[in-house]
Amino acid sequence: MFGLLLVTIIAWLLKIYSYALIVYVLMSWFPGAYNTWFGRELGKIVTPYLSWFSFIKPIGILDLRPLIAFIVLDLAQYALAWFF
């Protein structure tokens, strides 16, 4: 019972983090959004995870790191659900 609760909490935290990553990426469409209080605080949360994917180089102006990071988070959620 405790294990199921723990898995559920972790799954929710991964989902919330995925939403935070999406918001952070969408903020790039708005000039100066990263310089706001919300942008700086969200950057403190999301940037360390995105730095794990720094080995992926941008293709022209297209940065694929957030997409790969989101896919990895999604796979972690599926693996968590599959194992438990």
PDB file of N, CA and C in Angstrom:
ATOM      1  N   MET A   1       0.823  -1.195   0.000  1.00  0.00           N
ATOM      2  CA  MET A   1       0.000   0.000   0.000  1.00  0.00           C
ATOM      3  C   MET A   1       0.864   1.254   0.000  1.00  0.00           C
ATOM      4  N   PHE A   2       1.903   1.267   0.862  1.00  0.00           N
ATOM      5  CA  PHE A   2       2.789   2.426   0.910  1.00  0.00           C
ATOM      6  C   PHE A   2       3.550   2.583  -0.398  1.00  0.00           C
ATOM      7  N   GLY A   3       3.930   1.454  -1.014  1.00  0.00           N
ATOM      8  CA  GLY A   3       4.659   1.503  -2.282  1.00  0.00           C
ATOM      9  C   GLY A   3       3.828   2.117  -3.388  1.00  0.00           C
ATOM     10  N   LEU A   4       2.541   1.771  -3.435  1.00  0.00           N
ATOM     11  CA  LEU A   4       1.656   2.332  -4.445  1.00  0.00           C
ATOM     12  C   LEU A   4       1.482   3.830  -4.258  1.00  0.00           C
ATOM     13  N   LEU A   5       1.379   4.256  -3.018  1.00  0.00           N
ATOM     14  CA  LEU A   5       1.267   5.691  -2.730  1.00  0.00           C
ATOM     15  C   LEU A   5       2.520   6.426  -3.167  1.00  0.00           C
ATOM     16  N   LEU A   6       3.668   5.853  -2.881  1.00  0.00           N
ATOM     17  CA  LEU A   6       4.935   6.468  -3.268  1.00  0.00           C
ATOM     18  C   LEU A   6       5.067   6.569  -4.784  1.00  0.00           C
ATOM     19  N   VAL A   7       4.689   5.507  -5.485  1.00  0.00           N
ATOM     20  CA  VAL A   7       4.742   5.513  -6.951  1.00  0.00           C
ATOM     21  C   VAL A   7       3.796   6.570  -7.511  1.00  0.00           C
ATOM     22  N   THR A   8       2.622   6.699  -6.919  1.00  0.00           N
ATOM     23  CA  THR A   8       1.654   7.699  -7.376  1.00  0.00           C
ATOM     24  C   THR A   8       2.192   9.109  -7.170  1.00  0.00           C
ATOM     25  N   ILE A   9       2.808   9.358  -6.034  1.00  0.00           N
ATOM     26  CA  ILE A   9       3.380  10.678  -5.761  1.00  0.00           C
ATOM     27  C   ILE A   9       4.509  10.989  -6.742  1.00  0.00           C
ATOM     28  N   ILE A  10       5.380  10.023  -7.002  1.00  0.00           N
ATOM     29  CA  ILE A  10       6.478  10.231  -7.943  1.00  0.00           C
ATOM     30  C   ILE A  10       5.936  10.485  -9.346  1.00  0.00           C
ATOM     31  N   ALA A  11       4.893   9.744  -9.740  1.00  0.00           N
ATOM     32  CA  ALA A  11       4.296   9.944 -11.066  1.00  0.00           C
ATOM     33  C   ALA A  11       3.721  11.352 -11.191  1.00  0.00           C
ATOM     34  N   TRP A  12       3.072  11.843 -10.148  1.00  0.00           N
ATOM     35  CA  TRP A  12       2.528  13.204 -10.178  1.00  0.00           C
ATOM     36  C   TRP A  12       3.638  14.248 -10.243  1.00  0.00           C
ATOM     37  N   LEU A  13       4.709  14.022  -9.494  1.00  0.00           N
ATOM     38  CA  LEU A  13       5.829  14.971  -9.531  1.00  0.00           C
ATOM     39  C   LEU A  13       6.475  15.004 -10.916  1.00  0.00           C
ATOM     40  N   LEU A  14       6.603  13.858 -11.555  1.00  0.00           N
ATOM     41  CA  LEU A  14       7.152  13.827 -12.918  1.00  0.00           C
ATOM     42  C   LEU A  14       6.233  14.555 -13.891  1.00  0.00           C
ATOM     43  N   LYS A  15       4.929  14.396 -13.731  1.00  0.00           N
ATOM     44  CA  LYS A  15       3.973  15.084 -14.606  1.00  0.00           C
ATOM     45  C   LYS A  15       4.046  16.597 -14.408  1.00  0.00           C
ATOM     46  N   ILE A  16       4.126  17.043 -13.157  1.00  0.00           N
ATOM     47  CA  ILE A  16       4.245  18.481 -12.873  1.00  0.00           C
ATOM     48  C   ILE A  16       5.542  19.032 -13.451  1.00  0.00           C
ATOM     49  N   TYR A  17       6.627  18.265 -13.329  1.00  0.00           N
ATOM     50  CA  TYR A  17       7.910  18.701 -13.884  1.00  0.00           C
ATOM     51  C   TYR A  17       7.838  18.779 -15.409  1.00  0.00           C
ATOM     52  N   SER A  18       7.106  17.867 -16.024  1.00  0.00           N
ATOM     53  CA  SER A  18       6.921  17.924 -17.480  1.00  0.00           C
ATOM     54  C   SER A  18       6.192  19.199 -17.881  1.00  0.00           C
ATOM     55  N   TYR A  19       5.177  19.566 -17.118  1.00  0.00           N
ATOM     56  CA  TYR A  19       4.459  20.810 -17.397  1.00  0.00           C
ATOM     57  C   TYR A  19       5.371  22.025 -17.205  1.00  0.00           C
ATOM     58  N   ALA A  20       6.201  21.987 -16.183  1.00  0.00           N
ATOM     59  CA  ALA A  20       7.137  23.090 -15.959  1.00  0.00           C
ATOM     60  C   ALA A  20       8.103  23.207 -17.131  1.00  0.00           C
ATOM     61  N   LEU A  21       8.551  22.081 -17.655  1.00  0.00           N
ATOM     62  CA  LEU A  21       9.448  22.090 -18.813  1.00  0.00           C
ATOM     63  C   LEU A  21       8.755  22.677 -20.037  1.00  0.00           C
ATOM     64  N   ILE A  22       7.511  22.336 -20.237  1.00  0.00           N
ATOM     65  CA  ILE A  22       6.748  22.880 -21.373  1.00  0.00           C
ATOM     66  C   ILE A  22       6.592  24.392 -21.236  1.00  0.00           C
ATOM     67  N   VAL A  23       6.261  24.854 -20.044  1.00  0.00           N
ATOM     68  CA  VAL A  23       6.097  26.294 -19.818  1.00  0.00           C
ATOM     69  C   VAL A  23       7.421  27.014 -20.059  1.00  0.00           C
ATOM     70  N   TYR A  24       8.509  26.418 -19.589  1.00  0.00           N
ATOM     71  CA  TYR A  24       9.824  27.035 -19.765  1.00  0.00           C
ATOM     72  C   TYR A  24      10.179  27.163 -21.250  1.00  0.00           C
ATOM     73  N   VAL A  25       9.868  26.140 -22.018  1.00  0.00           N
ATOM     74  CA  VAL A  25      10.157  26.190 -23.453  1.00  0.00           C
ATOM     75  C   VAL A  25       9.264  27.220 -24.140  1.00  0.00           C
ATOM     76  N   LEU A  26       8.002  27.278 -23.767  1.00  0.00           N
ATOM     77  CA  LEU A  26       7.101  28.252 -24.384  1.00  0.00           C
ATOM     78  C   LEU A  26       7.466  29.690 -24.039  1.00  0.00           C
ATOM     79  N   MET A  27       8.131  29.879 -22.907  1.00  0.00           N
ATOM     80  CA  MET A  27       8.566  31.228 -22.533  1.00  0.00           C
ATOM     81  C   MET A  27       9.596  31.783 -23.511  1.00  0.00           C
ATOM     82  N   SER A  28      10.257  30.924 -24.251  1.00  0.00           N
ATOM     83  CA  SER A  28      11.249  31.399 -25.212  1.00  0.00           C
ATOM     84  C   SER A  28      10.595  32.176 -26.361  1.00  0.00           C
ATOM     85  N   TRP A  29       9.310  32.029 -26.531  1.00  0.00           N
ATOM     86  CA  TRP A  29       8.610  32.749 -27.584  1.00  0.00           C
ATOM     87  C   TRP A  29       8.352  34.207 -27.219  1.00  0.00           C
ATOM     88  N   PHE A  30       8.490  34.544 -25.944  1.00  0.00           N
ATOM     89  CA  PHE A  30       8.187  35.893 -25.483  1.00  0.00           C
ATOM     90  C   PHE A  30       9.470  36.583 -25.043  1.00  0.00           C
ATOM     91  N   PRO A  31       9.818  37.690 -25.699  1.00  0.00           N
ATOM     92  CA  PRO A  31      11.054  38.390 -25.328  1.00  0.00           C
ATOM     93  C   PRO A  31      11.021  38.872 -23.881  1.00  0.00           C
ATOM     94  N   GLY A  32      12.085  38.613 -23.168  1.00  0.00           N
ATOM     95  CA  GLY A  32      12.206  39.069 -21.797  1.00  0.00           C
ATOM     96  C   GLY A  32      11.484  38.208 -20.772  1.00  0.00           C
ATOM     97  N   ALA A  33      10.857  37.121 -21.205  1.00  0.00           N
ATOM     98  CA  ALA A  33      10.108  36.293 -20.258  1.00  0.00           C
ATOM     99  C   ALA A  33      11.030  35.603 -19.258  1.00  0.00           C
ATOM    100  N   TYR A  34      12.242  35.278 -19.687  1.00  0.00           N
ATOM    101  CA  TYR A  34      13.185  34.625 -18.771  1.00  0.00           C
ATOM    102  C   TYR A  34      13.721  35.601 -17.720  1.00  0.00           C
ATOM    103  N   ASN A  35      13.586  36.897 -17.955  1.00  0.00           N
ATOM    104  CA  ASN A  35      14.096  37.902 -17.023  1.00  0.00           C
ATOM    105  C   ASN A  35      13.081  38.287 -15.954  1.00  0.00           C
ATOM    106  N   THR A  36      11.880  37.729 -16.020  1.00  0.00           N
ATOM    107  CA  THR A  36      10.892  38.005 -14.991  1.00  0.00           C
ATOM    108  C   THR A  36      11.177  37.131 -13.770  1.00  0.00           C
ATOM    109  N   TRP A  37      10.522  37.444 -12.656  1.00  0.00           N
ATOM    110  CA  TRP A  37      10.703  36.636 -11.447  1.00  0.00           C
ATOM    111  C   TRP A  37      10.320  35.183 -11.715  1.00  0.00           C
ATOM    112  N   PHE A  38       9.184  34.978 -12.375  1.00  0.00           N
ATOM    113  CA  PHE A  38       8.715  33.627 -12.662  1.00  0.00           C
ATOM    114  C   PHE A  38       9.699  32.888 -13.574  1.00  0.00           C
ATOM    115  N   GLY A  39      10.218  33.577 -14.574  1.00  0.00           N
ATOM    116  CA  GLY A  39      11.170  32.966 -15.499  1.00  0.00           C
ATOM    117  C   GLY A  39      12.466  32.560 -14.809  1.00  0.00           C
ATOM    118  N   ARG A  40      12.944  33.409 -13.908  1.00  0.00           N
ATOM    119  CA  ARG A  40      14.175  33.074 -13.179  1.00  0.00           C
ATOM    120  C   ARG A  40      13.966  31.890 -12.243  1.00  0.00           C
ATOM    121  N   GLU A  41      12.852  31.876 -11.531  1.00  0.00           N
ATOM    122  CA  GLU A  41      12.584  30.768 -10.601  1.00  0.00           C
ATOM    123  C   GLU A  41      12.349  29.464 -11.353  1.00  0.00           C
ATOM    124  N   LEU A  42      11.634  29.518 -12.448  1.00  0.00           N
ATOM    125  CA  LEU A  42      11.409  28.319 -13.260  1.00  0.00           C
ATOM    126  C   LEU A  42      12.717  27.841 -13.874  1.00  0.00           C
ATOM    127  N   GLY A  43      13.574  28.774 -14.256  1.00  0.00           N
ATOM    128  CA  GLY A  43      14.881  28.423 -14.803  1.00  0.00           C
ATOM    129  C   GLY A  43      15.755  27.700 -13.791  1.00  0.00           C
ATOM    130  N   LYS A  44      15.643  28.071 -12.512  1.00  0.00           N
ATOM    131  CA  LYS A  44      16.408  27.387 -11.476  1.00  0.00           C
ATOM    132  C   LYS A  44      15.982  25.935 -11.333  1.00  0.00           C
ATOM    133  N   ILE A  45      14.746  25.648 -11.659  1.00  0.00           N
ATOM    134  CA  ILE A  45      14.226  24.294 -11.536  1.00  0.00           C
ATOM    135  C   ILE A  45      14.506  23.466 -12.786  1.00  0.00           C
ATOM    136  N   VAL A  46      14.344  24.064 -13.962  1.00  0.00           N
ATOM    137  CA  VAL A  46      14.391  23.315 -15.218  1.00  0.00           C
ATOM    138  C   VAL A  46      15.796  23.251 -15.819  1.00  0.00           C
ATOM    139  N   THR A  47      16.583  24.291 -15.684  1.00  0.00           N
ATOM    140  CA  THR A  47      17.899  24.348 -16.326  1.00  0.00           C
ATOM    141  C   THR A  47      18.847  23.223 -15.901  1.00  0.00           C
ATOM    142  N   PRO A  48      18.900  22.829 -14.624  1.00  0.00           N
ATOM    143  CA  PRO A  48      19.805  21.706 -14.291  1.00  0.00           C
ATOM    144  C   PRO A  48      19.460  20.415 -15.021  1.00  0.00           C
ATOM    145  N   TYR A  49      18.178  20.141 -15.200  1.00  0.00           N
ATOM    146  CA  TYR A  49      17.784  18.940 -15.935  1.00  0.00           C
ATOM    147  C   TYR A  49      18.132  19.070 -17.415  1.00  0.00           C
ATOM    148  N   LEU A  50      17.899  20.238 -17.985  1.00  0.00           N
ATOM    149  CA  LEU A  50      18.238  20.439 -19.402  1.00  0.00           C
ATOM    150  C   LEU A  50      19.743  20.365 -19.644  1.00  0.00           C
ATOM    151  N   SER A  51      20.531  20.694 -18.633  1.00  0.00           N
ATOM    152  CA  SER A  51      21.985  20.645 -18.819  1.00  0.00           C
ATOM    153  C   SER A  51      22.492  19.217 -18.990  1.00  0.00           C
ATOM    154  N   TRP A  52      21.716  18.218 -18.547  1.00  0.00           N
ATOM    155  CA  TRP A  52      22.104  16.820 -18.778  1.00  0.00           C
ATOM    156  C   TRP A  52      22.173  16.510 -20.267  1.00  0.00           C
ATOM    157  N   PHE A  53      21.458  17.257 -21.070  1.00  0.00           N
ATOM    158  CA  PHE A  53      21.380  17.007 -22.503  1.00  0.00           C
ATOM    159  C   PHE A  53      22.213  18.009 -23.300  1.00  0.00           C
ATOM    160  N   SER A  54      23.227  18.565 -22.684  1.00  0.00           N
ATOM    161  CA  SER A  54      24.052  19.572 -23.353  1.00  0.00           C
ATOM    162  C   SER A  54      24.912  18.978 -24.464  1.00  0.00           C
ATOM    163  N   PHE A  55      25.037  17.659 -24.496  1.00  0.00           N
ATOM    164  CA  PHE A  55      25.812  17.025 -25.568  1.00  0.00           C
ATOM    165  C   PHE A  55      25.067  17.063 -26.902  1.00  0.00           C
ATOM    166  N   ILE A  56      23.772  17.363 -26.876  1.00  0.00           N
ATOM    167  CA  ILE A  56      22.980  17.464 -28.106  1.00  0.00           C
ATOM    168  C   ILE A  56      23.140  18.877 -28.650  1.00  0.00           C
ATOM    169  N   LYS A  57      23.685  18.983 -29.817  1.00  0.00           N
ATOM    170  CA  LYS A  57      23.937  20.293 -30.427  1.00  0.00           C
ATOM    171  C   LYS A  57      22.704  20.761 -31.215  1.00  0.00           C
ATOM    172  N   PRO A  58      22.438  22.065 -31.216  1.00  0.00           N
ATOM    173  CA  PRO A  58      21.309  22.591 -31.997  1.00  0.00           C
ATOM    174  C   PRO A  58      21.523  22.388 -33.492  1.00  0.00           C
ATOM    175  N   ILE A  59      20.441  22.197 -34.185  1.00  0.00           N
ATOM    176  CA  ILE A  59      20.467  22.088 -35.644  1.00  0.00           C
ATOM    177  C   ILE A  59      19.980  23.433 -36.178  1.00  0.00           C
ATOM    178  N   GLY A  60      20.912  24.251 -36.605  1.00  0.00           N
ATOM    179  CA  GLY A  60      20.564  25.614 -37.022  1.00  0.00           C
ATOM    180  C   GLY A  60      20.069  26.395 -35.819  1.00  0.00           C
ATOM    181  N   ILE A  61      18.826  26.873 -35.914  1.00  0.00           N
ATOM    182  CA  ILE A  61      18.239  27.599 -34.786  1.00  0.00           C
ATOM    183  C   ILE A  61      17.337  26.693 -33.951  1.00  0.00           C
ATOM    184  N   LEU A  62      17.225  25.433 -34.334  1.00  0.00           N
ATOM    185  CA  LEU A  62      16.343  24.494 -33.645  1.00  0.00           C
ATOM    186  C   LEU A  62      17.114  23.734 -32.573  1.00  0.00           C
ATOM    187  N   ASP A  63      16.724  23.934 -31.319  1.00  0.00           N
ATOM    188  CA  ASP A  63      17.345  23.254 -30.185  1.00  0.00           C
ATOM    189  C   ASP A  63      16.469  22.066 -29.804  1.00  0.00           C
ATOM    190  N   LEU A  64      16.998  20.875 -29.935  1.00  0.00           N
ATOM    191  CA  LEU A  64      16.227  19.669 -29.658  1.00  0.00           C
ATOM    192  C   LEU A  64      16.345  19.177 -28.222  1.00  0.00           C
ATOM    193  N   ARG A  65      17.153  19.837 -27.419  1.00  0.00           N
ATOM    194  CA  ARG A  65      17.343  19.388 -26.030  1.00  0.00           C
ATOM    195  C   ARG A  65      16.041  19.322 -25.245  1.00  0.00           C
ATOM    196  N   PRO A  66      15.159  20.330 -25.295  1.00  0.00           N
ATOM    197  CA  PRO A  66      13.910  20.216 -24.530  1.00  0.00           C
ATOM    198  C   PRO A  66      13.026  19.062 -25.012  1.00  0.00           C
ATOM    199  N   LEU A  67      13.020  18.808 -26.301  1.00  0.00           N
ATOM    200  CA  LEU A  67      12.220  17.711 -26.821  1.00  0.00           C
ATOM    201  C   LEU A  67      12.735  16.368 -26.304  1.00  0.00           C
ATOM    202  N   ILE A  68      14.043  16.167 -26.357  1.00  0.00           N
ATOM    203  CA  ILE A  68      14.641  14.924 -25.863  1.00  0.00           C
ATOM    204  C   ILE A  68      14.425  14.816 -24.347  1.00  0.00           C
ATOM    205  N   ALA A  69      14.564  15.913 -23.634  1.00  0.00           N
ATOM    206  CA  ALA A  69      14.356  15.907 -22.181  1.00  0.00           C
ATOM    207  C   ALA A  69      12.910  15.541 -21.848  1.00  0.00           C
ATOM    208  N   PHE A  70      11.974  16.067 -22.611  1.00  0.00           N
ATOM    209  CA  PHE A  70      10.569  15.738 -22.384  1.00  0.00           C
ATOM    210  C   PHE A  70      10.298  14.263 -22.678  1.00  0.00           C
ATOM    211  N   ILE A  71      10.886  13.738 -23.735  1.00  0.00           N
ATOM    212  CA  ILE A  71      10.713  12.323 -24.073  1.00  0.00           C
ATOM    213  C   ILE A  71      11.279  11.428 -22.969  1.00  0.00           C
ATOM    214  N   VAL A  72      12.431  11.794 -22.419  1.00  0.00           N
ATOM    215  CA  VAL A  72      13.026  11.015 -21.329  1.00  0.00           C
ATOM    216  C   VAL A  72      12.123  11.043 -20.090  1.00  0.00           C
ATOM    217  N   LEU A  73      11.558  12.194 -19.769  1.00  0.00           N
ATOM    218  CA  LEU A  73      10.622  12.273 -18.641  1.00  0.00           C
ATOM    219  C   LEU A  73       9.392  11.400 -18.883  1.00  0.00           C
ATOM    220  N   ASP A  74       8.896  11.430 -20.105  1.00  0.00           N
ATOM    221  CA  ASP A  74       7.730  10.635 -20.446  1.00  0.00           C
ATOM    222  C   ASP A  74       8.050   9.140 -20.344  1.00  0.00           C
ATOM    223  N   LEU A  75       9.215   8.746 -20.813  1.00  0.00           N
ATOM    224  CA  LEU A  75       9.626   7.345 -20.698  1.00  0.00           C
ATOM    225  C   LEU A  75       9.790   6.935 -19.236  1.00  0.00           C
ATOM    226  N   ALA A  76      10.268   7.833 -18.403  1.00  0.00           N
ATOM    227  CA  ALA A  76      10.394   7.538 -16.971  1.00  0.00           C
ATOM    228  C   ALA A  76       9.021   7.318 -16.350  1.00  0.00           C
ATOM    229  N   GLN A  77       8.043   8.093 -16.770  1.00  0.00           N
ATOM    230  CA  GLN A  77       6.686   7.903 -16.251  1.00  0.00           C
ATOM    231  C   GLN A  77       6.125   6.550 -16.680  1.00  0.00           C
ATOM    232  N   TYR A  78       6.333   6.189 -17.947  1.00  0.00           N
ATOM    233  CA  TYR A  78       5.853   4.895 -18.425  1.00  0.00           C
ATOM    234  C   TYR A  78       6.559   3.745 -17.722  1.00  0.00           C
ATOM    235  N   ALA A  79       7.864   3.870 -17.507  1.00  0.00           N
ATOM    236  CA  ALA A  79       8.614   2.820 -16.825  1.00  0.00           C
ATOM    237  C   ALA A  79       8.141   2.672 -15.387  1.00  0.00           C
ATOM    238  N   LEU A  80       7.874   3.781 -14.737  1.00  0.00           N
ATOM    239  CA  LEU A  80       7.375   3.739 -13.366  1.00  0.00           C
ATOM    240  C   LEU A  80       6.028   3.029 -13.305  1.00  0.00           C
ATOM    241  N   ALA A  81       5.160   3.339 -14.236  1.00  0.00           N
ATOM    242  CA  ALA A  81       3.838   2.691 -14.265  1.00  0.00           C
ATOM    243  C   ALA A  81       3.952   1.213 -14.623  1.00  0.00           C
ATOM    244  N   TRP A  82       4.892   0.883 -15.485  1.00  0.00           N
ATOM    245  CA  TRP A  82       5.044  -0.506 -15.921  1.00  0.00           C
ATOM    246  C   TRP A  82       5.622  -1.380 -14.813  1.00  0.00           C
ATOM    247  N   PHE A  83       6.586  -0.862 -14.084  1.00  0.00           N
ATOM    248  CA  PHE A  83       7.213  -1.646 -13.018  1.00  0.00           C
ATOM    249  C   PHE A  83       6.291  -1.825 -11.823  1.00  0.00           C
ATOM    250  N   PHE A  84       5.441  -0.856 -11.584  1.00  0.00           N
ATOM    251  CA  PHE A  84       4.573  -0.937 -10.407  1.00  0.00           C
ATOM    252  C   PHE A  84       3.148  -0.938 -10.860  1.00  0.00           C
TER     253      PHE A  84
END
